[in-house]
């Protein structure tokens, strides 16, 4: 494999406005609307560029697809995951596992977003 294994991710949500608020505030970023107007499907993408490392993705609201209790865990890269972890509860999420060392691979936090999806936070410090 010549590239990182993940090329794109989607996080399914029930309330797109609430989820967008959660992610924009926890990660101090702005999401951009993708696609076309469809009452059954809506996507908001995280900032990214094809020339940057890592993967970008989007929040998705799709009729018939419910968030939470999924078996895929997306880790967001952070300078210090404790910073984003501190904002999680303020914006409707929950901390499952506070920042902990994973040895030479840095640190992680496991949190739930405002929609009940577990996500990971990763940093080297």
Protein backbone atom coordinates (compact mmCIF):
# COMPACT_ATOMS: atom_id res chain seq x y z
CA UNK A 1 0.00 0.00 0.00
CA UNK A 2 1.52 3.33 -1.08
CA UNK A 3 -0.88 5.69 0.74
CA UNK A 4 -2.47 5.95 4.15
CA UNK A 5 -5.30 3.39 4.29
CA UNK A 6 -8.11 5.87 4.94
CA UNK A 7 -9.06 8.14 2.05
CA UNK A 8 -12.38 9.53 3.35
CA UNK A 9 -14.74 9.16 6.30
CA UNK A 10 -18.39 9.87 6.97
CA UNK A 11 -19.97 10.36 10.39
CA UNK A 12 -23.71 9.80 10.31
CA UNK A 13 -25.85 12.09 12.45
CA UNK A 14 -29.54 12.59 13.26
CA UNK A 15 -29.46 16.36 13.88
CA UNK A 16 -27.07 17.95 11.36
CA UNK A 17 -27.28 21.43 12.92
CA UNK A 18 -26.44 20.12 16.40
CA UNK A 19 -23.63 17.88 15.09
CA UNK A 20 -22.17 20.67 12.95
CA UNK A 21 -22.13 22.94 16.02
CA UNK A 22 -20.39 20.21 18.06
CA UNK A 23 -17.60 19.55 15.54
CA UNK A 24 -17.04 23.19 14.57
CA UNK A 25 -16.69 24.21 18.23
CA UNK A 26 -14.72 21.25 19.57
CA UNK A 27 -12.19 21.43 16.70
CA UNK A 28 -12.40 25.23 16.17
CA UNK A 29 -13.04 24.86 12.41
CA UNK A 30 -15.74 25.54 9.82
CA UNK A 31 -17.47 22.80 7.83
CA UNK A 32 -18.50 23.35 4.22
CA UNK A 33 -21.78 22.15 2.68
CA UNK A 34 -21.28 19.50 0.00
CA UNK A 35 -23.55 18.25 -2.75
CA UNK A 36 -27.01 19.35 -3.69
CA UNK A 37 -30.27 20.13 -1.91
CA UNK A 38 -32.06 16.90 -1.01
CA UNK A 39 -34.44 16.62 1.97
CA UNK A 40 -33.27 13.02 2.54
CA UNK A 41 -29.50 13.62 2.41
CA UNK A 42 -27.14 16.35 3.64
CA UNK A 43 -23.32 16.49 3.93
CA UNK A 44 -20.95 18.99 5.56
CA UNK A 45 -17.23 18.42 4.95
CA UNK A 46 -14.25 19.00 7.18
CA UNK A 47 -11.49 21.22 5.75
CA UNK A 48 -8.95 19.32 3.71
CA UNK A 49 -6.97 19.24 0.49
CA UNK A 50 -5.81 16.36 -1.71
CA UNK A 51 -2.19 17.42 -1.25
CA UNK A 52 -2.34 17.26 2.58
CA UNK A 53 -1.58 14.13 4.59
CA UNK A 54 -4.30 12.17 6.31
CA UNK A 55 -7.94 11.93 5.26
CA UNK A 56 -10.83 14.33 5.19
CA UNK A 57 -14.49 13.48 5.54
CA UNK A 58 -17.95 14.76 6.28
CA UNK A 59 -20.91 14.76 8.62
CA UNK A 60 -23.84 13.07 6.87
CA UNK A 61 -27.56 13.03 7.58
CA UNK A 62 -29.39 10.41 5.53
CA UNK A 63 -32.95 9.24 5.95
CA UNK A 64 -32.91 5.67 7.31
CA UNK A 65 -29.33 5.76 8.63
CA UNK A 66 -29.08 6.25 12.40
CA UNK A 67 -25.98 7.47 14.26
CA UNK A 68 -24.21 5.87 17.20
CA UNK A 69 -23.36 2.30 18.13
CA UNK A 70 -21.18 1.85 15.07
CA UNK A 71 -18.07 -0.28 14.94
CA UNK A 72 -15.74 2.13 13.12
CA UNK A 73 -13.70 4.61 15.14
CA UNK A 74 -12.32 7.74 13.48
CA UNK A 75 -9.37 9.44 15.20
CA UNK A 76 -8.96 13.19 14.73
CA UNK A 77 -5.39 14.52 14.84
CA UNK A 78 -4.77 17.19 17.48
CA UNK A 79 -1.72 19.08 18.78
CA UNK A 80 -2.78 18.11 22.33
CA UNK A 81 -5.94 16.00 22.55
CA UNK A 82 -6.65 17.37 26.05
CA UNK A 83 -7.59 20.72 24.46
CA UNK A 84 -10.37 19.29 22.29
CA UNK A 85 -11.40 16.89 25.07
CA UNK A 86 -12.10 19.88 27.34
CA UNK A 87 -14.60 21.28 24.80
CA UNK A 88 -16.54 18.02 24.27
CA UNK A 89 -19.07 18.29 27.12
CA UNK A 90 -19.60 22.01 26.55
CA UNK A 91 -20.95 21.23 23.06
CA UNK A 92 -23.17 18.26 23.88
CA UNK A 93 -20.71 15.34 23.89
CA UNK A 94 -19.38 13.02 26.58
CA UNK A 95 -15.86 11.92 27.52
CA UNK A 96 -15.62 8.13 27.58
CA UNK A 97 -11.88 7.84 28.33
CA UNK A 98 -9.82 10.88 29.29
CA UNK A 99 -6.43 11.53 27.72
CA UNK A 100 -4.08 8.60 28.23
CA UNK A 101 -0.67 7.60 26.98
CA UNK A 102 -0.31 4.98 24.27
CA UNK A 103 3.46 4.87 24.68
CA UNK A 104 5.63 5.84 21.74
CA UNK A 105 2.48 6.48 19.68
CA UNK A 106 1.40 9.50 21.73
CA UNK A 107 -1.90 10.05 23.52
CA UNK A 108 -5.59 9.43 22.89
CA UNK A 109 -8.96 10.43 24.28
CA UNK A 110 -12.20 8.63 23.45
CA UNK A 111 -15.32 10.79 23.35
CA UNK A 112 -18.91 10.67 22.17
CA UNK A 113 -20.15 13.43 19.88
CA UNK A 114 -23.52 15.13 20.23
CA UNK A 115 -25.12 12.33 18.17
CA UNK A 116 -23.84 9.35 20.18
CA UNK A 117 -20.96 8.44 17.82
CA UNK A 118 -17.69 7.56 19.53
CA UNK A 119 -14.67 9.34 18.04
CA UNK A 120 -11.01 9.34 18.98
CA UNK A 121 -8.69 12.26 19.59
CA UNK A 122 -4.97 11.64 18.98
CA UNK A 123 -1.89 13.74 19.69
CA UNK A 124 1.82 13.24 20.20
CA UNK A 125 1.93 15.46 23.30
